[in-house]
Amino acid sequence: LPKLVAFDLDYTVWPTWVDTSVDGPLKRRGEDINKVYDRSGSPLSLYPHVPAILFFLQSKQITVAAASRTCAPTIARQALNNLLIVDDGVRRLTFTPIPTMKLFDQLEIYPGSKITHFRKINEKTGIPFEDMIFFDDEHRNAEVSTKLGVHFELVGHQGTDLATFENAIRQWRAKK
């Protein structure tokens, strides 16, 4: 398995652009799992398979990073902090929801180049680019592959799902 898996945020882990479609601040309502609401009451959730993927990565002690060029880093961080998720893969009597943010080890969330994001991730972690996989919905960000050697996986309109995740792992392994 790779040593690091990175995700863009908008249209990769959730189905919106937080800098243009979300009116902060974001707040939870009651005991809602994987759901927050913006000022107008519009909900925001992670794509359905994202929580399981994040918990799997944590269970394998794989570093998880966010690499987003959003112009609304505060709202993106609010979403990660307030979206509570549960590890459905663990059998136990009580499920303790945890903030999605706790499953991310590295955050590069600010406008700019994904090349810059990955250079900073590499500096902070020491993990070589060839031991990283990056999920993103924008093909232009494949430059991290050609310029740095990060394995790039294009995410379709369904967001990051298990099929996309498994395909990326297979393709990354084939390069090794």
N, C-alpha and C. Protein backbone atom coordinates (compact mmCIF):
# COMPACT_ATOMS: atom_id res chain seq x y z
N LEU A 1 0.85 -1.19 0.00
CA LEU A 1 0.00 0.00 0.00
C LEU A 1 0.88 1.24 0.00
N PRO A 2 0.36 2.36 -0.51
CA PRO A 2 1.14 3.60 -0.48
C PRO A 2 1.32 4.07 0.96
N LYS A 3 2.28 4.95 1.16
CA LYS A 3 2.51 5.50 2.50
C LYS A 3 1.61 6.69 2.78
N LEU A 4 1.12 7.34 1.71
CA LEU A 4 0.28 8.53 1.87
C LEU A 4 -0.80 8.53 0.80
N VAL A 5 -2.01 8.88 1.20
CA VAL A 5 -3.12 9.09 0.28
C VAL A 5 -3.65 10.49 0.52
N ALA A 6 -3.75 11.26 -0.57
CA ALA A 6 -4.21 12.65 -0.48
C ALA A 6 -5.51 12.81 -1.27
N PHE A 7 -6.33 13.71 -0.78
CA PHE A 7 -7.60 13.99 -1.42
C PHE A 7 -7.75 15.48 -1.64
N ASP A 8 -8.21 15.86 -2.83
CA ASP A 8 -8.79 17.17 -3.02
C ASP A 8 -10.09 17.11 -2.21
N LEU A 9 -10.73 18.23 -1.98
CA LEU A 9 -11.96 18.23 -1.18
C LEU A 9 -13.21 18.38 -2.06
N ASP A 10 -13.32 19.51 -2.76
CA ASP A 10 -14.53 19.80 -3.53
C ASP A 10 -14.71 18.81 -4.68
N TYR A 11 -15.88 18.20 -4.74
CA TYR A 11 -16.24 17.19 -5.73
C TYR A 11 -15.31 15.99 -5.74
N THR A 12 -14.61 15.79 -4.62
CA THR A 12 -13.78 14.60 -4.44
C THR A 12 -14.18 13.89 -3.15
N VAL A 13 -14.30 14.64 -2.05
CA VAL A 13 -14.81 14.04 -0.80
C VAL A 13 -16.23 14.50 -0.48
N TRP A 14 -16.64 15.65 -1.04
CA TRP A 14 -18.03 16.09 -0.88
C TRP A 14 -18.52 16.72 -2.18
N PRO A 15 -19.85 16.73 -2.39
CA PRO A 15 -20.42 17.11 -3.69
C PRO A 15 -20.74 18.60 -3.85
N THR A 16 -19.75 19.45 -3.63
CA THR A 16 -19.96 20.88 -3.84
C THR A 16 -18.63 21.61 -3.83
N TRP A 17 -18.66 22.88 -4.22
CA TRP A 17 -17.53 23.78 -4.04
C TRP A 17 -17.83 24.60 -2.79
N VAL A 18 -17.03 24.47 -1.75
CA VAL A 18 -17.33 25.20 -0.53
C VAL A 18 -17.09 26.70 -0.68
N ASP A 19 -16.29 27.11 -1.66
CA ASP A 19 -16.03 28.55 -1.79
C ASP A 19 -17.10 29.29 -2.59
N THR A 20 -17.95 28.57 -3.34
CA THR A 20 -18.98 29.26 -4.11
C THR A 20 -20.41 28.83 -3.77
N SER A 21 -20.58 27.64 -3.22
CA SER A 21 -21.93 27.10 -3.00
C SER A 21 -22.34 26.98 -1.54
N VAL A 22 -21.42 27.27 -0.63
CA VAL A 22 -21.72 27.10 0.79
C VAL A 22 -21.62 28.46 1.48
N ASP A 23 -22.64 28.78 2.26
CA ASP A 23 -22.68 30.05 2.99
C ASP A 23 -22.40 29.77 4.46
N GLY A 24 -21.14 29.96 4.86
CA GLY A 24 -20.73 29.65 6.23
C GLY A 24 -21.37 30.58 7.24
N PRO A 25 -21.29 30.26 8.51
CA PRO A 25 -20.58 29.11 9.08
C PRO A 25 -21.38 27.82 8.94
N LEU A 26 -20.67 26.70 9.08
CA LEU A 26 -21.30 25.38 9.02
C LEU A 26 -21.56 24.89 10.44
N LYS A 27 -22.75 24.32 10.64
CA LYS A 27 -23.10 23.83 11.98
C LYS A 27 -23.77 22.47 11.87
N ARG A 28 -23.59 21.69 12.93
CA ARG A 28 -24.29 20.42 13.05
C ARG A 28 -25.66 20.66 13.65
N ARG A 29 -26.58 19.74 13.40
CA ARG A 29 -27.89 19.77 14.05
C ARG A 29 -28.05 18.48 14.82
N GLY A 30 -28.20 18.60 16.10
CA GLY A 30 -28.44 17.41 16.92
C GLY A 30 -27.36 16.37 16.78
N GLU A 31 -27.78 15.13 16.61
CA GLU A 31 -26.86 14.00 16.54
C GLU A 31 -26.58 13.56 15.11
N ASP A 32 -26.83 14.43 14.15
CA ASP A 32 -26.63 14.06 12.75
C ASP A 32 -25.23 13.51 12.51
N ILE A 33 -25.16 12.40 11.79
CA ILE A 33 -23.90 11.81 11.38
C ILE A 33 -23.66 12.21 9.92
N ASN A 34 -22.43 12.61 9.62
CA ASN A 34 -22.03 12.97 8.26
C ASN A 34 -22.95 14.02 7.63
N LYS A 35 -23.30 15.03 8.40
CA LYS A 35 -24.12 16.10 7.84
C LYS A 35 -23.93 17.38 8.64
N VAL A 36 -23.67 18.47 7.91
CA VAL A 36 -23.65 19.81 8.49
C VAL A 36 -24.52 20.70 7.61
N TYR A 37 -24.84 21.87 8.15
CA TYR A 37 -25.73 22.78 7.44
C TYR A 37 -25.09 24.15 7.37
N ASP A 38 -25.29 24.83 6.23
CA ASP A 38 -24.77 26.18 6.13
C ASP A 38 -25.82 27.17 6.63
N ARG A 39 -25.51 28.45 6.52
CA ARG A 39 -26.38 29.50 7.06
C ARG A 39 -27.79 29.43 6.48
N SER A 40 -27.91 29.02 5.21
CA SER A 40 -29.23 28.96 4.57
C SER A 40 -29.96 27.65 4.85
N GLY A 41 -29.31 26.74 5.59
CA GLY A 41 -29.94 25.47 5.91
C GLY A 41 -29.62 24.36 4.92
N SER A 42 -28.80 24.66 3.91
CA SER A 42 -28.42 23.63 2.94
C SER A 42 -27.46 22.64 3.58
N PRO A 43 -27.71 21.33 3.39
CA PRO A 43 -26.84 20.32 4.00
C PRO A 43 -25.58 20.06 3.18
N LEU A 44 -24.55 19.61 3.86
CA LEU A 44 -23.30 19.17 3.23
C LEU A 44 -22.90 17.87 3.90
N SER A 45 -22.59 16.86 3.09
CA SER A 45 -22.15 15.56 3.59
C SER A 45 -20.98 15.07 2.75
N LEU A 46 -20.23 14.14 3.30
CA LEU A 46 -19.21 13.46 2.52
C LEU A 46 -19.90 12.51 1.55
N TYR A 47 -19.23 12.20 0.43
CA TYR A 47 -19.74 11.15 -0.44
C TYR A 47 -19.86 9.86 0.37
N PRO A 48 -20.80 8.97 0.02
CA PRO A 48 -21.11 7.80 0.85
C PRO A 48 -19.93 6.89 1.22
N HIS A 49 -18.98 6.66 0.31
CA HIS A 49 -17.89 5.72 0.60
C HIS A 49 -16.69 6.36 1.29
N VAL A 50 -16.65 7.68 1.34
CA VAL A 50 -15.47 8.37 1.89
C VAL A 50 -15.18 7.99 3.35
N PRO A 51 -16.18 7.96 4.25
CA PRO A 51 -15.85 7.58 5.63
C PRO A 51 -15.17 6.21 5.73
N ALA A 52 -15.69 5.21 5.04
CA ALA A 52 -15.09 3.86 5.10
C ALA A 52 -13.67 3.88 4.56
N ILE A 53 -13.42 4.63 3.50
CA ILE A 53 -12.07 4.73 2.94
C ILE A 53 -11.13 5.37 3.95
N LEU A 54 -11.58 6.45 4.59
CA LEU A 54 -10.73 7.12 5.58
C LEU A 54 -10.42 6.21 6.77
N PHE A 55 -11.42 5.49 7.26
CA PHE A 55 -11.18 4.57 8.38
C PHE A 55 -10.26 3.42 7.97
N PHE A 56 -10.40 2.94 6.73
CA PHE A 56 -9.49 1.89 6.25
C PHE A 56 -8.05 2.39 6.25
N LEU A 57 -7.84 3.60 5.72
CA LEU A 57 -6.48 4.16 5.67
C LEU A 57 -5.91 4.30 7.07
N GLN A 58 -6.74 4.76 8.01
CA GLN A 58 -6.28 4.89 9.40
C GLN A 58 -5.90 3.52 9.97
N SER A 59 -6.70 2.51 9.68
CA SER A 59 -6.43 1.17 10.21
C SER A 59 -5.12 0.60 9.68
N LYS A 60 -4.71 1.04 8.50
CA LYS A 60 -3.46 0.57 7.89
C LYS A 60 -2.30 1.53 8.18
N GLN A 61 -2.55 2.53 9.02
CA GLN A 61 -1.54 3.52 9.41
C GLN A 61 -0.95 4.25 8.20
N ILE A 62 -1.81 4.55 7.24
CA ILE A 62 -1.42 5.30 6.05
C ILE A 62 -1.71 6.77 6.30
N THR A 63 -0.74 7.62 6.04
CA THR A 63 -0.91 9.06 6.22
C THR A 63 -1.97 9.57 5.25
N VAL A 64 -2.89 10.39 5.75
CA VAL A 64 -3.96 10.96 4.94
C VAL A 64 -3.77 12.47 4.88
N ALA A 65 -3.86 13.02 3.67
CA ALA A 65 -3.67 14.46 3.47
C ALA A 65 -4.84 15.04 2.69
N ALA A 66 -5.08 16.33 2.93
CA ALA A 66 -6.00 17.11 2.10
C ALA A 66 -5.15 18.08 1.30
N ALA A 67 -5.40 18.15 0.00
CA ALA A 67 -4.70 19.09 -0.87
C ALA A 67 -5.77 19.81 -1.69
N SER A 68 -6.16 20.99 -1.21
CA SER A 68 -7.26 21.72 -1.82
C SER A 68 -6.86 23.16 -2.08
N ARG A 69 -7.23 23.66 -3.27
CA ARG A 69 -6.92 25.05 -3.58
C ARG A 69 -8.14 25.96 -3.37
N THR A 70 -9.06 25.56 -2.52
CA THR A 70 -10.26 26.35 -2.28
C THR A 70 -9.91 27.77 -1.81
N CYS A 71 -10.77 28.68 -2.18
CA CYS A 71 -10.63 30.07 -1.71
C CYS A 71 -11.35 30.27 -0.38
N ALA A 72 -11.92 29.19 0.17
CA ALA A 72 -12.62 29.26 1.45
C ALA A 72 -12.06 28.21 2.41
N PRO A 73 -10.77 28.35 2.78
CA PRO A 73 -10.17 27.34 3.65
C PRO A 73 -10.84 27.24 5.02
N THR A 74 -11.37 28.35 5.53
CA THR A 74 -12.03 28.31 6.83
C THR A 74 -13.27 27.43 6.78
N ILE A 75 -14.06 27.57 5.73
CA ILE A 75 -15.28 26.75 5.59
C ILE A 75 -14.91 25.28 5.38
N ALA A 76 -13.87 25.03 4.59
CA ALA A 76 -13.42 23.64 4.37
C ALA A 76 -13.01 23.00 5.69
N ARG A 77 -12.28 23.75 6.52
CA ARG A 77 -11.87 23.22 7.82
C ARG A 77 -13.07 23.03 8.75
N GLN A 78 -14.04 23.96 8.69
CA GLN A 78 -15.27 23.80 9.49
C GLN A 78 -15.97 22.50 9.10
N ALA A 79 -16.04 22.24 7.80
CA ALA A 79 -16.69 21.01 7.34
C ALA A 79 -15.97 19.79 7.88
N LEU A 80 -14.64 19.77 7.76
CA LEU A 80 -13.88 18.61 8.25
C LEU A 80 -14.02 18.45 9.76
N ASN A 81 -14.08 19.55 10.49
CA ASN A 81 -14.23 19.48 11.95
C ASN A 81 -15.63 19.08 12.38
N ASN A 82 -16.65 19.51 11.64
CA ASN A 82 -18.03 19.30 12.08
C ASN A 82 -18.71 18.09 11.48
N LEU A 83 -18.17 17.53 10.40
CA LEU A 83 -18.75 16.32 9.83
C LEU A 83 -18.32 15.13 10.69
N LEU A 84 -19.24 14.63 11.49
CA LEU A 84 -18.95 13.48 12.35
C LEU A 84 -19.20 12.20 11.56
N ILE A 85 -18.26 11.26 11.67
CA ILE A 85 -18.42 9.99 10.97
C ILE A 85 -18.17 8.84 11.93
N VAL A 86 -18.69 7.67 11.55
CA VAL A 86 -18.62 6.48 12.38
C VAL A 86 -17.97 5.36 11.56
N ASP A 87 -17.12 4.59 12.21
CA ASP A 87 -16.48 3.45 11.56
C ASP A 87 -17.45 2.27 11.57
N ASP A 88 -18.19 2.09 10.49
CA ASP A 88 -19.17 1.01 10.40
C ASP A 88 -18.50 -0.36 10.29
N GLY A 89 -17.22 -0.38 9.94
CA GLY A 89 -16.52 -1.65 9.76
C GLY A 89 -16.10 -2.31 11.06
N VAL A 90 -16.21 -1.60 12.15
CA VAL A 90 -15.80 -2.15 13.45
C VAL A 90 -17.05 -2.59 14.20
N ARG A 91 -17.05 -3.83 14.62
CA ARG A 91 -18.22 -4.36 15.36
C ARG A 91 -18.08 -4.04 16.84
N ARG A 92 -18.99 -3.25 17.33
CA ARG A 92 -19.02 -2.94 18.76
C ARG A 92 -20.42 -2.47 19.12
N LEU A 93 -20.70 -2.43 20.39
CA LEU A 93 -22.05 -2.08 20.82
C LEU A 93 -22.35 -0.61 20.64
N THR A 94 -21.37 0.23 20.90
CA THR A 94 -21.61 1.66 20.74
C THR A 94 -20.66 2.22 19.70
N PHE A 95 -21.19 3.11 18.90
CA PHE A 95 -20.39 3.77 17.88
C PHE A 95 -20.10 5.18 18.36
N THR A 96 -18.85 5.53 18.40
CA THR A 96 -18.48 6.88 18.80
C THR A 96 -18.16 7.70 17.56
N PRO A 97 -19.02 8.65 17.22
CA PRO A 97 -18.74 9.48 16.05
C PRO A 97 -17.50 10.34 16.30
N ILE A 98 -16.68 10.50 15.28
CA ILE A 98 -15.51 11.36 15.41
C ILE A 98 -15.50 12.37 14.27
N PRO A 99 -14.90 13.54 14.50
CA PRO A 99 -14.79 14.52 13.43
C PRO A 99 -13.93 13.97 12.29
N THR A 100 -14.36 14.19 11.07
CA THR A 100 -13.59 13.77 9.90
C THR A 100 -12.16 14.29 9.98
N MET A 101 -11.99 15.50 10.51
CA MET A 101 -10.67 16.12 10.62
C MET A 101 -9.66 15.21 11.31
N LYS A 102 -10.12 14.42 12.29
CA LYS A 102 -9.20 13.57 13.05
C LYS A 102 -8.56 12.48 12.19
N LEU A 103 -9.13 12.21 11.02
CA LEU A 103 -8.58 11.19 10.13
C LEU A 103 -7.60 11.77 9.11
N PHE A 104 -7.42 13.08 9.13
CA PHE A 104 -6.45 13.74 8.24
C PHE A 104 -5.21 14.10 9.03
N ASP A 105 -4.06 13.70 8.51
CA ASP A 105 -2.78 13.96 9.17
C ASP A 105 -2.12 15.24 8.66
N GLN A 106 -2.36 15.57 7.41
CA GLN A 106 -1.74 16.74 6.78
C GLN A 106 -2.81 17.54 6.06
N LEU A 107 -2.76 18.86 6.23
CA LEU A 107 -3.72 19.74 5.56
C LEU A 107 -2.99 20.81 4.77
N GLU A 108 -3.21 20.83 3.48
CA GLU A 108 -2.73 21.92 2.62
C GLU A 108 -3.98 22.45 1.94
N ILE A 109 -4.63 23.41 2.59
CA ILE A 109 -5.92 23.93 2.13
C ILE A 109 -5.79 25.43 1.96
N TYR A 110 -5.50 25.86 0.75
CA TYR A 110 -5.34 27.28 0.43
C TYR A 110 -5.21 27.40 -1.09
N PRO A 111 -5.54 28.59 -1.63
CA PRO A 111 -5.40 28.78 -3.08
C PRO A 111 -3.95 28.59 -3.50
N GLY A 112 -3.77 28.08 -4.69
CA GLY A 112 -2.42 27.89 -5.21
C GLY A 112 -2.30 26.59 -5.95
N SER A 113 -1.08 26.24 -6.24
CA SER A 113 -0.77 25.07 -7.06
C SER A 113 -0.76 23.78 -6.24
N LYS A 114 -1.25 22.71 -6.85
CA LYS A 114 -1.17 21.40 -6.20
C LYS A 114 0.29 20.97 -6.09
N ILE A 115 1.13 21.46 -6.98
CA ILE A 115 2.57 21.17 -6.89
C ILE A 115 3.10 21.70 -5.56
N THR A 116 2.72 22.94 -5.22
CA THR A 116 3.12 23.54 -3.94
C THR A 116 2.58 22.72 -2.78
N HIS A 117 1.30 22.32 -2.86
CA HIS A 117 0.69 21.50 -1.81
C HIS A 117 1.52 20.24 -1.58
N PHE A 118 1.87 19.56 -2.65
CA PHE A 118 2.58 18.28 -2.50
C PHE A 118 4.03 18.46 -2.07
N ARG A 119 4.66 19.53 -2.50
CA ARG A 119 6.02 19.78 -2.01
C ARG A 119 6.01 19.99 -0.50
N LYS A 120 4.99 20.72 -0.01
CA LYS A 120 4.88 20.94 1.44
C LYS A 120 4.57 19.64 2.18
N ILE A 121 3.69 18.83 1.61
CA ILE A 121 3.36 17.54 2.23
C ILE A 121 4.62 16.68 2.31
N ASN A 122 5.39 16.67 1.24
CA ASN A 122 6.64 15.90 1.20
C ASN A 122 7.64 16.42 2.23
N GLU A 123 7.77 17.75 2.33
CA GLU A 123 8.70 18.34 3.31
C GLU A 123 8.30 17.96 4.74
N LYS A 124 6.99 18.02 5.03
CA LYS A 124 6.51 17.77 6.39
C LYS A 124 6.56 16.29 6.77
N THR A 125 6.35 15.40 5.80
CA THR A 125 6.25 13.97 6.13
C THR A 125 7.50 13.18 5.79
N GLY A 126 8.27 13.67 4.83
CA GLY A 126 9.43 12.92 4.36
C GLY A 126 9.05 11.75 3.47
N ILE A 127 7.77 11.61 3.15
CA ILE A 127 7.31 10.51 2.30
C ILE A 127 7.61 10.85 0.84
N PRO A 128 8.28 9.94 0.12
CA PRO A 128 8.60 10.19 -1.29
C PRO A 128 7.32 10.31 -2.13
N PHE A 129 7.40 11.15 -3.17
CA PHE A 129 6.24 11.36 -4.04
C PHE A 129 5.72 10.06 -4.63
N GLU A 130 6.62 9.14 -4.97
CA GLU A 130 6.19 7.89 -5.61
C GLU A 130 5.45 6.96 -4.65
N ASP A 131 5.44 7.29 -3.36
CA ASP A 131 4.68 6.52 -2.37
C ASP A 131 3.38 7.23 -2.00
N MET A 132 2.91 8.11 -2.90
CA MET A 132 1.68 8.87 -2.66
C MET A 132 0.67 8.62 -3.78
N ILE A 133 -0.61 8.61 -3.40
CA ILE A 133 -1.72 8.60 -4.36
C ILE A 133 -2.55 9.84 -4.10
N PHE A 134 -2.99 10.50 -5.19
CA PHE A 134 -3.80 11.72 -5.06
C PHE A 134 -5.10 11.56 -5.83
N PHE A 135 -6.22 11.76 -5.14
CA PHE A 135 -7.55 11.71 -5.73
C PHE A 135 -8.04 13.14 -5.97
N ASP A 136 -8.46 13.43 -7.20
CA ASP A 136 -8.92 14.78 -7.54
C ASP A 136 -9.89 14.68 -8.71
N ASP A 137 -10.87 15.59 -8.74
CA ASP A 137 -11.85 15.58 -9.82
C ASP A 137 -11.44 16.42 -11.02
N GLU A 138 -10.34 17.14 -10.94
CA GLU A 138 -9.91 18.01 -12.04
C GLU A 138 -8.67 17.45 -12.72
N HIS A 139 -8.79 17.15 -14.02
CA HIS A 139 -7.69 16.53 -14.75
C HIS A 139 -6.44 17.41 -14.78
N ARG A 140 -6.61 18.74 -14.74
CA ARG A 140 -5.43 19.62 -14.79
C ARG A 140 -4.48 19.35 -13.62
N ASN A 141 -4.98 18.80 -12.54
CA ASN A 141 -4.14 18.53 -11.38
C ASN A 141 -3.31 17.25 -11.51
N ALA A 142 -3.45 16.59 -12.66
CA ALA A 142 -2.61 15.42 -12.94
C ALA A 142 -1.15 15.83 -13.08
N GLU A 143 -0.89 17.14 -13.11
CA GLU A 143 0.50 17.61 -13.18
C GLU A 143 1.33 17.11 -11.99
N VAL A 144 0.71 16.75 -10.89
CA VAL A 144 1.47 16.21 -9.76
C VAL A 144 2.11 14.88 -10.13
N SER A 145 1.52 14.20 -11.09
CA SER A 145 2.08 12.94 -11.56
C SER A 145 3.25 13.19 -12.50
N THR A 146 3.04 14.04 -13.50
CA THR A 146 4.09 14.27 -14.49
C THR A 146 5.27 15.04 -13.93
N LYS A 147 5.01 15.96 -13.01
CA LYS A 147 6.10 16.81 -12.49
C LYS A 147 6.75 16.26 -11.22
N LEU A 148 5.98 15.51 -10.41
CA LEU A 148 6.51 15.05 -9.12
C LEU A 148 6.58 13.53 -8.98
N GLY A 149 5.75 12.81 -9.72
CA GLY A 149 5.73 11.36 -9.59
C GLY A 149 4.67 10.82 -8.64
N VAL A 150 3.76 11.69 -8.18
CA VAL A 150 2.62 11.25 -7.35
C VAL A 150 1.65 10.50 -8.27
N HIS A 151 1.11 9.37 -7.82
CA HIS A 151 0.11 8.68 -8.64
C HIS A 151 -1.19 9.49 -8.57
N PHE A 152 -1.71 9.88 -9.74
CA PHE A 152 -2.92 10.69 -9.81
C PHE A 152 -4.10 9.81 -10.21
N GLU A 153 -5.20 9.94 -9.48
CA GLU A 153 -6.43 9.21 -9.82
C GLU A 153 -7.55 10.22 -10.03
N LEU A 154 -8.06 10.27 -11.26
CA LEU A 154 -9.15 11.18 -11.59
C LEU A 154 -10.46 10.64 -11.00
N VAL A 155 -11.16 11.48 -10.28
CA VAL A 155 -12.42 11.11 -9.63
C VAL A 155 -13.58 11.58 -10.50
N GLY A 156 -14.52 10.68 -10.77
CA GLY A 156 -15.67 11.02 -11.59
C GLY A 156 -16.76 11.73 -10.82
N HIS A 157 -17.90 11.93 -11.49
CA HIS A 157 -19.01 12.69 -10.90
C HIS A 157 -19.58 12.04 -9.65
N GLN A 158 -19.29 10.76 -9.44
CA GLN A 158 -19.81 10.06 -8.25
C GLN A 158 -18.99 10.36 -7.00
N GLY A 159 -17.88 11.10 -7.16
CA GLY A 159 -17.00 11.36 -6.03
C GLY A 159 -16.10 10.16 -5.78
N THR A 160 -15.31 10.23 -4.74
CA THR A 160 -14.42 9.12 -4.41
C THR A 160 -15.27 7.97 -3.86
N ASP A 161 -15.25 6.85 -4.58
CA ASP A 161 -15.99 5.67 -4.13
C ASP A 161 -15.03 4.49 -4.05
N LEU A 162 -15.53 3.35 -3.59
CA LEU A 162 -14.66 2.19 -3.40
C LEU A 162 -14.04 1.72 -4.71
N ALA A 163 -14.79 1.75 -5.82
CA ALA A 163 -14.25 1.30 -7.10
C ALA A 163 -13.08 2.19 -7.53
N THR A 164 -13.25 3.50 -7.39
CA THR A 164 -12.18 4.44 -7.74
C THR A 164 -10.97 4.22 -6.85
N PHE A 165 -11.22 4.04 -5.56
CA PHE A 165 -10.14 3.82 -4.60
C PHE A 165 -9.37 2.54 -4.93
N GLU A 166 -10.10 1.45 -5.14
CA GLU A 166 -9.44 0.17 -5.44
C GLU A 166 -8.67 0.23 -6.75
N ASN A 167 -9.22 0.92 -7.75
CA ASN A 167 -8.54 1.07 -9.03
C ASN A 167 -7.22 1.82 -8.85
N ALA A 168 -7.24 2.87 -8.05
CA ALA A 168 -6.02 3.65 -7.81
C ALA A 168 -4.95 2.79 -7.14
N ILE A 169 -5.35 2.00 -6.16
CA ILE A 169 -4.40 1.12 -5.48
C ILE A 169 -3.80 0.12 -6.47
N ARG A 170 -4.64 -0.48 -7.33
CA ARG A 170 -4.15 -1.44 -8.34
C ARG A 170 -3.16 -0.78 -9.28
N GLN A 171 -3.51 0.41 -9.78
CA GLN A 171 -2.62 1.10 -10.72
C GLN A 171 -1.32 1.52 -10.05
N TRP A 172 -1.40 1.99 -8.81
CA TRP A 172 -0.19 2.37 -8.09
C TRP A 172 0.72 1.16 -7.91
N ARG A 173 0.15 0.02 -7.53
CA ARG A 173 0.93 -1.21 -7.34
C ARG A 173 1.59 -1.65 -8.65
N ALA A 174 0.88 -1.48 -9.76
CA ALA A 174 1.42 -1.90 -11.06
C ALA A 174 2.67 -1.11 -11.44
N LYS A 175 2.78 0.11 -10.92
CA LYS A 175 3.96 0.94 -11.20
C LYS A 175 5.17 0.51 -10.39
N LYS A 176 4.93 -0.20 -9.29
CA LYS A 176 6.02 -0.57 -8.37
C LYS A 176 6.89 -1.68 -8.90
